[in-house]
Amino acid sequence: MKKIQKLVGEEEKLRMPIAQGLPWTTDEPKCLIKPPVKKNTIPIDLKLHSDIRAMERARFAHQVAEKGRLIKQYKMERERQQKLEEEEEIKRLRKELIPKAQLMPYFDRPFVPRRSEKQPTVPREPKFCIPRHKTIKCCRMSCNDMSRPSQLQHLPSSVEKAEALYKNRILQ
C-alpha cells in the first residue's frame, strides 16, 4: 500500500509543473535598434458613390420643390383671374337686369303680309306596305298584291284629292 501511495504522490507532482527561472547569463543585453520612423500618411480624399448620389438627390429634390412652388403660384394666379372674370360677369349681368323702358313701335306703317310666291307642296300618298326584307316569311304579301283592282275598289288617292283642291283654289 505504501508503494501505491508513493506512486500516486509522484504522479501528482508530475502533474503540477514547477516554475523554473531562466538560467543566469553572463551576456550583456543587446540594445535593439529602433526602426526608422515612417512619415505620417496623408489620407486620400475619397469620393463615395453614396455621397455623389446624395448630392444628386438633393439637387433633384430642390428642382421638384421649385417646380411645385411655380405650379402652385400659377394655379393661384389663374384662380384669381377666374374670380375677377366671374365678378365682372356678375356686374355685367346685374346691369342688364335693370328694367329699361322699351321704345314704342311705329303704328303709322302697319304690317301687311304678302302672299307667298312659292308653289304649294304637292302631297304624296304614304306607302303603307312593309318592305319585303322586314316581313314575316309565312305572311309575305307584296304591296302590288294588295293594290290589285280585283281585291280593292279603286278609290281616289290623296294625290288626286290634293290636285283637285289646288285647282279649285286657283280658280277662285
N, C-alpha and C. Protein backbone atom coordinates (compact mmCIF):
# COMPACT_ATOMS: atom_id res chain seq x y z
N MET A 1 0.81 -1.15 0.00
CA MET A 1 0.00 0.00 0.00
C MET A 1 0.88 1.25 0.00
N LYS A 2 1.93 1.23 0.65
CA LYS A 2 2.85 2.36 0.70
C LYS A 2 3.40 2.64 -0.70
N LYS A 3 3.63 1.58 -1.43
CA LYS A 3 4.14 1.75 -2.78
C LYS A 3 3.09 2.48 -3.67
N ILE A 4 1.86 2.09 -3.48
CA ILE A 4 0.79 2.69 -4.29
C ILE A 4 0.67 4.16 -3.94
N GLN A 5 0.75 4.48 -2.63
CA GLN A 5 0.65 5.87 -2.22
C GLN A 5 1.85 6.67 -2.74
N LYS A 6 3.00 6.04 -2.78
CA LYS A 6 4.19 6.70 -3.25
C LYS A 6 4.05 6.99 -4.76
N LEU A 7 3.55 6.04 -5.53
CA LEU A 7 3.34 6.22 -6.98
C LEU A 7 2.31 7.33 -7.27
N VAL A 8 1.25 7.31 -6.48
CA VAL A 8 0.19 8.33 -6.65
C VAL A 8 0.77 9.70 -6.32
N GLY A 9 1.55 9.82 -5.32
CA GLY A 9 2.16 11.09 -4.92
C GLY A 9 3.10 11.60 -6.00
N GLU A 10 3.90 10.68 -6.59
CA GLU A 10 4.81 11.08 -7.65
C GLU A 10 4.03 11.56 -8.90
N GLU A 11 2.96 10.86 -9.20
CA GLU A 11 2.13 11.26 -10.36
C GLU A 11 1.53 12.66 -10.16
N GLU A 12 1.12 12.92 -8.91
CA GLU A 12 0.56 14.26 -8.63
C GLU A 12 1.63 15.33 -8.78
N LYS A 13 2.84 15.05 -8.37
CA LYS A 13 3.92 16.01 -8.51
C LYS A 13 4.23 16.25 -10.00
N LEU A 14 4.17 15.17 -10.76
CA LEU A 14 4.45 15.33 -12.19
C LEU A 14 3.33 16.13 -12.89
N ARG A 15 2.13 15.96 -12.34
CA ARG A 15 1.02 16.70 -12.96
C ARG A 15 1.16 18.20 -12.71
N MET A 16 1.68 18.59 -11.60
CA MET A 16 1.84 20.01 -11.29
C MET A 16 3.21 20.46 -11.76
N PRO A 17 3.23 21.38 -12.74
CA PRO A 17 4.54 21.83 -13.22
C PRO A 17 5.18 22.78 -12.20
N ILE A 18 6.46 22.73 -12.15
CA ILE A 18 7.22 23.59 -11.23
C ILE A 18 7.76 24.74 -12.06
N ALA A 19 7.52 25.96 -11.56
CA ALA A 19 8.01 27.13 -12.26
C ALA A 19 9.52 27.17 -12.14
N GLN A 20 10.17 27.25 -13.29
CA GLN A 20 11.64 27.27 -13.29
C GLN A 20 12.08 28.59 -13.90
N GLY A 21 13.01 29.31 -13.29
CA GLY A 21 13.52 30.58 -13.79
C GLY A 21 14.48 30.34 -14.94
N LEU A 22 14.72 31.47 -15.65
CA LEU A 22 15.65 31.38 -16.76
C LEU A 22 17.06 31.22 -16.21
N PRO A 23 17.89 30.57 -16.97
CA PRO A 23 19.27 30.41 -16.48
C PRO A 23 20.00 31.76 -16.46
N TRP A 24 20.94 31.89 -15.56
CA TRP A 24 21.71 33.11 -15.45
C TRP A 24 22.65 33.21 -16.64
N THR A 25 22.65 34.44 -17.22
CA THR A 25 23.54 34.60 -18.36
C THR A 25 24.58 35.63 -18.02
N THR A 26 25.70 35.50 -18.66
CA THR A 26 26.76 36.47 -18.45
C THR A 26 26.79 37.49 -19.58
N ASP A 27 25.96 37.25 -20.59
CA ASP A 27 25.95 38.16 -21.75
C ASP A 27 25.23 39.46 -21.38
N GLU A 28 25.76 40.52 -21.93
CA GLU A 28 25.10 41.80 -21.71
C GLU A 28 23.89 41.88 -22.64
N PRO A 29 22.87 42.55 -22.20
CA PRO A 29 21.69 42.64 -23.07
C PRO A 29 22.00 43.50 -24.30
N LYS A 30 21.50 43.05 -25.40
CA LYS A 30 21.74 43.77 -26.66
C LYS A 30 20.76 44.94 -26.75
N CYS A 31 21.24 46.08 -27.23
CA CYS A 31 20.36 47.23 -27.46
C CYS A 31 19.70 47.04 -28.82
N LEU A 32 18.42 47.02 -28.77
CA LEU A 32 17.68 46.86 -30.02
C LEU A 32 17.72 48.16 -30.82
N ILE A 33 17.86 48.05 -32.12
CA ILE A 33 17.90 49.21 -33.00
C ILE A 33 16.45 49.58 -33.32
N LYS A 34 16.15 50.87 -33.11
CA LYS A 34 14.79 51.30 -33.41
C LYS A 34 14.61 51.37 -34.93
N PRO A 35 13.46 50.92 -35.38
CA PRO A 35 13.24 51.01 -36.84
C PRO A 35 13.05 52.47 -37.23
N PRO A 36 13.34 52.82 -38.48
CA PRO A 36 13.20 54.22 -38.91
C PRO A 36 11.73 54.65 -38.83
N VAL A 37 11.52 55.88 -38.41
CA VAL A 37 10.17 56.42 -38.25
C VAL A 37 9.59 56.75 -39.63
N LYS A 38 8.44 56.22 -39.89
CA LYS A 38 7.79 56.49 -41.18
C LYS A 38 7.06 57.83 -41.10
N LYS A 39 6.90 58.46 -42.27
CA LYS A 39 6.16 59.71 -42.33
C LYS A 39 4.68 59.41 -42.14
N ASN A 40 4.01 60.41 -41.57
CA ASN A 40 2.55 60.25 -41.40
C ASN A 40 1.88 60.12 -42.77
N THR A 41 0.96 59.20 -42.86
CA THR A 41 0.26 59.01 -44.13
C THR A 41 -0.83 60.09 -44.27
N ILE A 42 -0.94 60.60 -45.46
CA ILE A 42 -1.94 61.62 -45.75
C ILE A 42 -3.15 60.89 -46.36
N PRO A 43 -4.34 61.06 -45.78
CA PRO A 43 -5.50 60.34 -46.33
C PRO A 43 -5.91 60.91 -47.69
N ILE A 44 -6.29 60.02 -48.57
CA ILE A 44 -6.74 60.42 -49.91
C ILE A 44 -8.22 60.81 -49.80
N ASP A 45 -8.57 61.89 -50.51
CA ASP A 45 -9.97 62.33 -50.49
C ASP A 45 -10.80 61.33 -51.29
N LEU A 46 -11.61 60.58 -50.60
CA LEU A 46 -12.42 59.55 -51.25
C LEU A 46 -13.74 60.15 -51.73
N LYS A 47 -14.19 59.71 -52.88
CA LYS A 47 -15.49 60.12 -53.40
C LYS A 47 -16.37 58.87 -53.43
N LEU A 48 -17.18 58.76 -52.41
CA LEU A 48 -18.06 57.61 -52.33
C LEU A 48 -19.28 57.80 -53.23
N HIS A 49 -19.74 56.72 -53.82
CA HIS A 49 -20.92 56.77 -54.69
C HIS A 49 -22.16 57.24 -53.91
N SER A 50 -22.24 56.85 -52.65
CA SER A 50 -23.39 57.26 -51.84
C SER A 50 -23.40 58.78 -51.64
N ASP A 51 -22.19 59.40 -51.48
CA ASP A 51 -22.13 60.86 -51.34
C ASP A 51 -22.54 61.56 -52.64
N ILE A 52 -22.08 61.03 -53.77
CA ILE A 52 -22.44 61.62 -55.07
C ILE A 52 -23.95 61.51 -55.27
N ARG A 53 -24.49 60.34 -54.96
CA ARG A 53 -25.93 60.10 -55.11
C ARG A 53 -26.73 61.03 -54.20
N ALA A 54 -26.24 61.26 -52.98
CA ALA A 54 -26.93 62.16 -52.05
C ALA A 54 -26.96 63.59 -52.60
N MET A 55 -25.86 64.04 -53.22
CA MET A 55 -25.82 65.38 -53.80
C MET A 55 -26.80 65.50 -54.97
N GLU A 56 -26.83 64.48 -55.83
CA GLU A 56 -27.76 64.49 -56.96
C GLU A 56 -29.21 64.49 -56.47
N ARG A 57 -29.48 63.70 -55.45
CA ARG A 57 -30.83 63.60 -54.91
C ARG A 57 -31.26 64.94 -54.29
N ALA A 58 -30.34 65.60 -53.61
CA ALA A 58 -30.65 66.91 -53.01
C ALA A 58 -30.96 67.93 -54.11
N ARG A 59 -30.18 67.90 -55.20
CA ARG A 59 -30.41 68.80 -56.33
C ARG A 59 -31.78 68.53 -56.95
N PHE A 60 -32.11 67.24 -57.13
CA PHE A 60 -33.40 66.86 -57.70
C PHE A 60 -34.56 67.29 -56.79
N ALA A 61 -34.40 67.09 -55.48
CA ALA A 61 -35.45 67.49 -54.54
C ALA A 61 -35.67 69.01 -54.60
N HIS A 62 -34.59 69.75 -54.76
CA HIS A 62 -34.71 71.20 -54.88
C HIS A 62 -35.47 71.59 -56.15
N GLN A 63 -35.16 70.91 -57.27
CA GLN A 63 -35.87 71.18 -58.52
C GLN A 63 -37.36 70.86 -58.40
N VAL A 64 -37.68 69.74 -57.77
CA VAL A 64 -39.08 69.34 -57.60
C VAL A 64 -39.82 70.36 -56.73
N ALA A 65 -39.17 70.81 -55.66
CA ALA A 65 -39.79 71.80 -54.79
C ALA A 65 -40.02 73.11 -55.55
N GLU A 66 -39.05 73.52 -56.36
CA GLU A 66 -39.19 74.75 -57.14
C GLU A 66 -40.33 74.62 -58.15
N LYS A 67 -40.41 73.47 -58.81
CA LYS A 67 -41.48 73.25 -59.78
C LYS A 67 -42.85 73.26 -59.09
N GLY A 68 -42.95 72.61 -57.93
CA GLY A 68 -44.20 72.61 -57.18
C GLY A 68 -44.62 74.00 -56.76
N ARG A 69 -43.64 74.81 -56.36
CA ARG A 69 -43.91 76.18 -55.96
C ARG A 69 -44.42 77.00 -57.16
N LEU A 70 -43.81 76.81 -58.35
CA LEU A 70 -44.25 77.53 -59.54
C LEU A 70 -45.66 77.11 -59.95
N ILE A 71 -45.95 75.81 -59.87
CA ILE A 71 -47.29 75.32 -60.23
C ILE A 71 -48.33 75.89 -59.27
N LYS A 72 -48.00 75.91 -57.99
CA LYS A 72 -48.92 76.46 -57.00
C LYS A 72 -49.17 77.94 -57.27
N GLN A 73 -48.12 78.67 -57.58
CA GLN A 73 -48.25 80.10 -57.87
C GLN A 73 -49.09 80.31 -59.13
N TYR A 74 -48.87 79.47 -60.16
CA TYR A 74 -49.64 79.57 -61.40
C TYR A 74 -51.12 79.30 -61.14
N LYS A 75 -51.42 78.28 -60.32
CA LYS A 75 -52.81 77.96 -60.00
C LYS A 75 -53.48 79.10 -59.25
N MET A 76 -52.78 79.69 -58.30
CA MET A 76 -53.34 80.80 -57.54
C MET A 76 -53.63 81.99 -58.46
N GLU A 77 -52.70 82.27 -59.38
CA GLU A 77 -52.89 83.37 -60.32
C GLU A 77 -54.10 83.11 -61.23
N ARG A 78 -54.21 81.87 -61.71
CA ARG A 78 -55.33 81.51 -62.58
C ARG A 78 -56.66 81.60 -61.83
N GLU A 79 -56.70 81.14 -60.58
CA GLU A 79 -57.92 81.25 -59.78
C GLU A 79 -58.29 82.71 -59.54
N ARG A 80 -57.29 83.54 -59.30
CA ARG A 80 -57.54 84.96 -59.08
C ARG A 80 -58.13 85.59 -60.34
N GLN A 81 -57.55 85.27 -61.51
CA GLN A 81 -58.06 85.80 -62.77
C GLN A 81 -59.49 85.33 -63.02
N GLN A 82 -59.74 84.05 -62.74
CA GLN A 82 -61.09 83.50 -62.94
C GLN A 82 -62.10 84.18 -62.02
N LYS A 83 -61.69 84.44 -60.79
CA LYS A 83 -62.57 85.11 -59.84
C LYS A 83 -62.89 86.52 -60.31
N LEU A 84 -61.87 87.24 -60.82
CA LEU A 84 -62.10 88.58 -61.34
C LEU A 84 -63.05 88.55 -62.54
N GLU A 85 -62.86 87.58 -63.44
CA GLU A 85 -63.75 87.46 -64.60
C GLU A 85 -65.19 87.18 -64.17
N GLU A 86 -65.35 86.30 -63.18
CA GLU A 86 -66.71 85.99 -62.70
C GLU A 86 -67.36 87.22 -62.09
N GLU A 87 -66.58 88.00 -61.32
CA GLU A 87 -67.12 89.21 -60.73
C GLU A 87 -67.54 90.21 -61.81
N GLU A 88 -66.72 90.36 -62.87
CA GLU A 88 -67.06 91.25 -63.97
C GLU A 88 -68.33 90.76 -64.67
N GLU A 89 -68.44 89.46 -64.85
CA GLU A 89 -69.63 88.89 -65.50
C GLU A 89 -70.87 89.15 -64.65
N ILE A 90 -70.75 88.99 -63.34
CA ILE A 90 -71.88 89.24 -62.43
C ILE A 90 -72.28 90.72 -62.50
N LYS A 91 -71.31 91.62 -62.51
CA LYS A 91 -71.61 93.05 -62.61
C LYS A 91 -72.34 93.35 -63.92
N ARG A 92 -71.85 92.75 -65.02
CA ARG A 92 -72.46 93.00 -66.32
C ARG A 92 -73.89 92.47 -66.35
N LEU A 93 -74.10 91.27 -65.80
CA LEU A 93 -75.45 90.69 -65.78
C LEU A 93 -76.40 91.52 -64.91
N ARG A 94 -75.90 92.04 -63.80
CA ARG A 94 -76.75 92.87 -62.95
C ARG A 94 -77.16 94.15 -63.67
N LYS A 95 -76.23 94.72 -64.45
CA LYS A 95 -76.57 95.92 -65.20
C LYS A 95 -77.64 95.61 -66.25
N GLU A 96 -77.55 94.44 -66.87
CA GLU A 96 -78.53 94.06 -67.89
C GLU A 96 -79.90 93.79 -67.28
N LEU A 97 -79.94 93.36 -66.04
CA LEU A 97 -81.21 93.02 -65.41
C LEU A 97 -82.01 94.24 -64.96
N ILE A 98 -81.41 95.39 -65.00
CA ILE A 98 -82.14 96.60 -64.61
C ILE A 98 -83.21 96.85 -65.68
N PRO A 99 -84.47 96.96 -65.28
CA PRO A 99 -85.53 97.16 -66.29
C PRO A 99 -85.41 98.53 -66.94
N LYS A 100 -85.54 98.52 -68.25
CA LYS A 100 -85.46 99.76 -69.01
C LYS A 100 -86.71 99.87 -69.86
N ALA A 101 -87.09 101.09 -70.16
CA ALA A 101 -88.29 101.32 -70.97
C ALA A 101 -88.02 100.90 -72.41
N GLN A 102 -89.03 100.23 -72.99
CA GLN A 102 -88.94 99.82 -74.39
C GLN A 102 -89.46 100.95 -75.27
N LEU A 103 -88.89 101.05 -76.44
CA LEU A 103 -89.35 102.06 -77.38
C LEU A 103 -90.72 101.67 -77.91
N MET A 104 -91.56 102.68 -78.15
CA MET A 104 -92.88 102.43 -78.71
C MET A 104 -92.74 102.02 -80.16
N PRO A 105 -93.47 100.99 -80.58
CA PRO A 105 -93.40 100.64 -82.00
C PRO A 105 -94.14 101.67 -82.85
N TYR A 106 -93.75 101.77 -84.11
CA TYR A 106 -94.39 102.69 -85.04
C TYR A 106 -95.61 102.02 -85.63
N PHE A 107 -96.78 102.67 -85.45
CA PHE A 107 -98.01 102.11 -85.99
C PHE A 107 -98.46 102.84 -87.26
N ASP A 108 -97.68 103.78 -87.72
CA ASP A 108 -98.05 104.51 -88.92
C ASP A 108 -97.89 103.65 -90.17
N ARG A 109 -97.05 102.66 -90.12
CA ARG A 109 -96.88 101.73 -91.24
C ARG A 109 -97.29 100.33 -90.78
N PRO A 110 -98.55 99.98 -90.83
CA PRO A 110 -98.96 98.67 -90.35
C PRO A 110 -98.42 97.55 -91.23
N PHE A 111 -98.24 96.42 -90.63
CA PHE A 111 -97.68 95.26 -91.34
C PHE A 111 -98.78 94.58 -92.14
N VAL A 112 -98.53 94.42 -93.42
CA VAL A 112 -99.47 93.73 -94.30
C VAL A 112 -98.72 92.52 -94.87
N PRO A 113 -99.14 91.31 -94.51
CA PRO A 113 -98.42 90.14 -95.03
C PRO A 113 -98.66 89.97 -96.53
N ARG A 114 -97.66 89.58 -97.24
CA ARG A 114 -97.76 89.36 -98.69
C ARG A 114 -98.06 87.89 -98.96
N ARG A 115 -98.64 87.67 -100.05
CA ARG A 115 -98.93 86.31 -100.47
C ARG A 115 -97.62 85.69 -100.98
N SER A 116 -97.40 84.46 -100.60
CA SER A 116 -96.16 83.79 -100.97
C SER A 116 -96.14 83.50 -102.46
N GLU A 117 -94.97 83.63 -103.04
CA GLU A 117 -94.82 83.36 -104.47
C GLU A 117 -94.45 81.91 -104.74
N LYS A 118 -94.15 81.15 -103.72
CA LYS A 118 -93.77 79.75 -103.88
C LYS A 118 -95.00 78.91 -104.20
N GLN A 119 -94.75 77.87 -104.96
CA GLN A 119 -95.82 76.93 -105.26
C GLN A 119 -96.07 76.06 -104.03
N PRO A 120 -97.33 75.74 -103.74
CA PRO A 120 -97.58 74.86 -102.58
C PRO A 120 -97.05 73.46 -102.85
N THR A 121 -96.70 72.80 -101.79
CA THR A 121 -96.15 71.44 -101.94
C THR A 121 -97.27 70.49 -102.33
N VAL A 122 -96.90 69.54 -103.17
CA VAL A 122 -97.87 68.54 -103.62
C VAL A 122 -97.74 67.35 -102.69
N PRO A 123 -98.82 66.98 -102.01
CA PRO A 123 -98.70 65.86 -101.08
C PRO A 123 -98.58 64.54 -101.82
N ARG A 124 -97.85 63.63 -101.23
CA ARG A 124 -97.71 62.29 -101.81
C ARG A 124 -98.45 61.30 -100.95
N GLU A 125 -98.89 60.27 -101.59
CA GLU A 125 -99.62 59.23 -100.87
C GLU A 125 -98.62 58.43 -100.04
N PRO A 126 -98.90 58.16 -98.78
CA PRO A 126 -97.95 57.41 -97.96
C PRO A 126 -97.87 55.95 -98.39
N LYS A 127 -96.71 55.36 -98.18
CA LYS A 127 -96.51 53.95 -98.52
C LYS A 127 -96.76 53.14 -97.25
N PHE A 128 -97.86 52.43 -97.26
CA PHE A 128 -98.21 51.63 -96.09
C PHE A 128 -97.71 50.20 -96.17
N CYS A 129 -97.05 49.85 -97.24
CA CYS A 129 -96.57 48.47 -97.37
C CYS A 129 -95.26 48.30 -96.59
N ILE A 130 -95.03 47.10 -96.12
CA ILE A 130 -93.83 46.77 -95.36
C ILE A 130 -92.80 46.26 -96.35
N PRO A 131 -91.54 46.69 -96.27
CA PRO A 131 -90.53 46.17 -97.20
C PRO A 131 -90.43 44.65 -97.09
N ARG A 132 -90.05 44.06 -98.20
CA ARG A 132 -90.03 42.60 -98.30
C ARG A 132 -89.08 41.96 -97.28
N HIS A 133 -87.94 42.61 -97.02
CA HIS A 133 -86.97 42.02 -96.09
C HIS A 133 -87.42 42.14 -94.64
N LYS A 134 -88.45 42.97 -94.36
CA LYS A 134 -88.92 43.11 -92.98
C LYS A 134 -90.19 42.30 -92.70
N THR A 135 -90.75 41.70 -93.69
CA THR A 135 -91.98 40.93 -93.48
C THR A 135 -91.66 39.55 -92.96
N ILE A 136 -92.65 38.94 -92.33
CA ILE A 136 -92.50 37.58 -91.83
C ILE A 136 -92.65 36.64 -93.02
N LYS A 137 -91.88 35.56 -93.05
CA LYS A 137 -91.85 34.67 -94.21
C LYS A 137 -93.20 34.04 -94.49
N CYS A 138 -93.93 33.66 -93.45
CA CYS A 138 -95.20 32.97 -93.68
C CYS A 138 -96.29 33.93 -94.15
N CYS A 139 -96.12 35.24 -93.90
CA CYS A 139 -97.16 36.21 -94.24
C CYS A 139 -96.72 37.14 -95.36
N ARG A 140 -95.88 36.69 -96.28
CA ARG A 140 -95.36 37.57 -97.32
C ARG A 140 -96.45 37.86 -98.34
N MET A 141 -96.68 39.16 -98.47
CA MET A 141 -97.64 39.61 -99.47
C MET A 141 -97.15 40.97 -99.92
N SER A 142 -96.96 41.18 -101.14
CA SER A 142 -96.39 42.43 -101.62
C SER A 142 -97.46 43.51 -101.71
N CYS A 143 -97.01 44.74 -101.86
CA CYS A 143 -97.93 45.87 -101.99
C CYS A 143 -98.71 45.76 -103.29
N ASN A 144 -98.07 45.19 -104.28
CA ASN A 144 -98.74 45.05 -105.58
C ASN A 144 -99.92 44.10 -105.46
N ASP A 145 -99.80 43.04 -104.66
CA ASP A 145 -100.89 42.09 -104.49
C ASP A 145 -102.08 42.76 -103.81
N MET A 146 -101.81 43.68 -102.89
CA MET A 146 -102.89 44.30 -102.13
C MET A 146 -103.59 45.39 -102.93
N SER A 147 -102.90 45.96 -103.92
CA SER A 147 -103.49 47.08 -104.65
C SER A 147 -104.10 46.65 -105.99
N ARG A 148 -104.29 45.38 -106.20
CA ARG A 148 -104.92 44.93 -107.44
C ARG A 148 -106.37 45.36 -107.46
N PRO A 149 -106.89 45.74 -108.60
CA PRO A 149 -108.27 46.21 -108.68
C PRO A 149 -109.26 45.12 -108.34
N SER A 150 -108.88 43.88 -108.53
CA SER A 150 -109.81 42.81 -108.21
C SER A 150 -109.99 42.67 -106.70
N GLN A 151 -108.95 42.95 -105.93
CA GLN A 151 -109.03 42.80 -104.48
C GLN A 151 -109.58 44.06 -103.81
N LEU A 152 -109.21 45.24 -104.30
CA LEU A 152 -109.65 46.50 -103.69
C LEU A 152 -110.42 47.33 -104.70
N GLN A 153 -111.33 48.10 -104.21
CA GLN A 153 -112.05 49.01 -105.09
C GLN A 153 -111.17 50.21 -105.36
N HIS A 154 -111.28 50.77 -106.52
CA HIS A 154 -110.46 51.92 -106.88
C HIS A 154 -111.04 53.16 -106.19
N LEU A 155 -110.25 53.72 -105.25
CA LEU A 155 -110.64 54.93 -104.54
C LEU A 155 -109.73 56.05 -105.00
N PRO A 156 -110.20 57.28 -105.01
CA PRO A 156 -109.31 58.38 -105.41
C PRO A 156 -108.20 58.53 -104.37
N SER A 157 -106.98 58.62 -104.85
CA SER A 157 -105.84 58.73 -103.95
C SER A 157 -105.75 60.14 -103.38
N SER A 158 -104.96 60.29 -102.35
CA SER A 158 -104.81 61.60 -101.71
C SER A 158 -104.15 62.58 -102.65
N VAL A 159 -103.32 62.11 -103.59
CA VAL A 159 -102.68 63.00 -104.56
C VAL A 159 -103.75 63.61 -105.46
N GLU A 160 -104.66 62.76 -105.88
CA GLU A 160 -105.73 63.25 -106.76
C GLU A 160 -106.61 64.26 -106.02
N LYS A 161 -106.87 63.99 -104.76
CA LYS A 161 -107.67 64.93 -103.96
C LYS A 161 -106.96 66.27 -103.82
N ALA A 162 -105.64 66.22 -103.56
CA ALA A 162 -104.87 67.45 -103.39
C ALA A 162 -104.85 68.24 -104.68
N GLU A 163 -104.72 67.57 -105.81
CA GLU A 163 -104.70 68.27 -107.09
C GLU A 163 -106.04 68.95 -107.34
N ALA A 164 -107.13 68.27 -107.01
CA ALA A 164 -108.46 68.85 -107.20
C ALA A 164 -108.63 70.10 -106.34
N LEU A 165 -108.19 70.04 -105.07
CA LEU A 165 -108.28 71.21 -104.18
C LEU A 165 -107.44 72.37 -104.70
N TYR A 166 -106.27 72.05 -105.20
CA TYR A 166 -105.37 73.08 -105.71
C TYR A 166 -106.00 73.79 -106.91
N LYS A 167 -106.60 73.02 -107.80
CA LYS A 167 -107.25 73.61 -108.98
C LYS A 167 -108.42 74.50 -108.56
N ASN A 168 -109.16 74.06 -107.52
CA ASN A 168 -110.29 74.87 -107.05
C ASN A 168 -109.79 76.20 -106.47
N ARG A 169 -108.68 76.20 -105.79
CA ARG A 169 -108.12 77.43 -105.19
C ARG A 169 -107.69 78.41 -106.27
N ILE A 170 -107.06 77.87 -107.29
CA ILE A 170 -106.57 78.74 -108.36
C ILE A 170 -107.74 79.39 -109.08
N LEU A 171 -108.78 78.63 -109.26
CA LEU A 171 -109.94 79.17 -109.98
C LEU A 171 -110.66 80.23 -109.18
N GLN A 172 -110.59 80.19 -107.91
CA GLN A 172 -111.29 81.17 -107.07
C GLN A 172 -110.51 82.43 -107.09
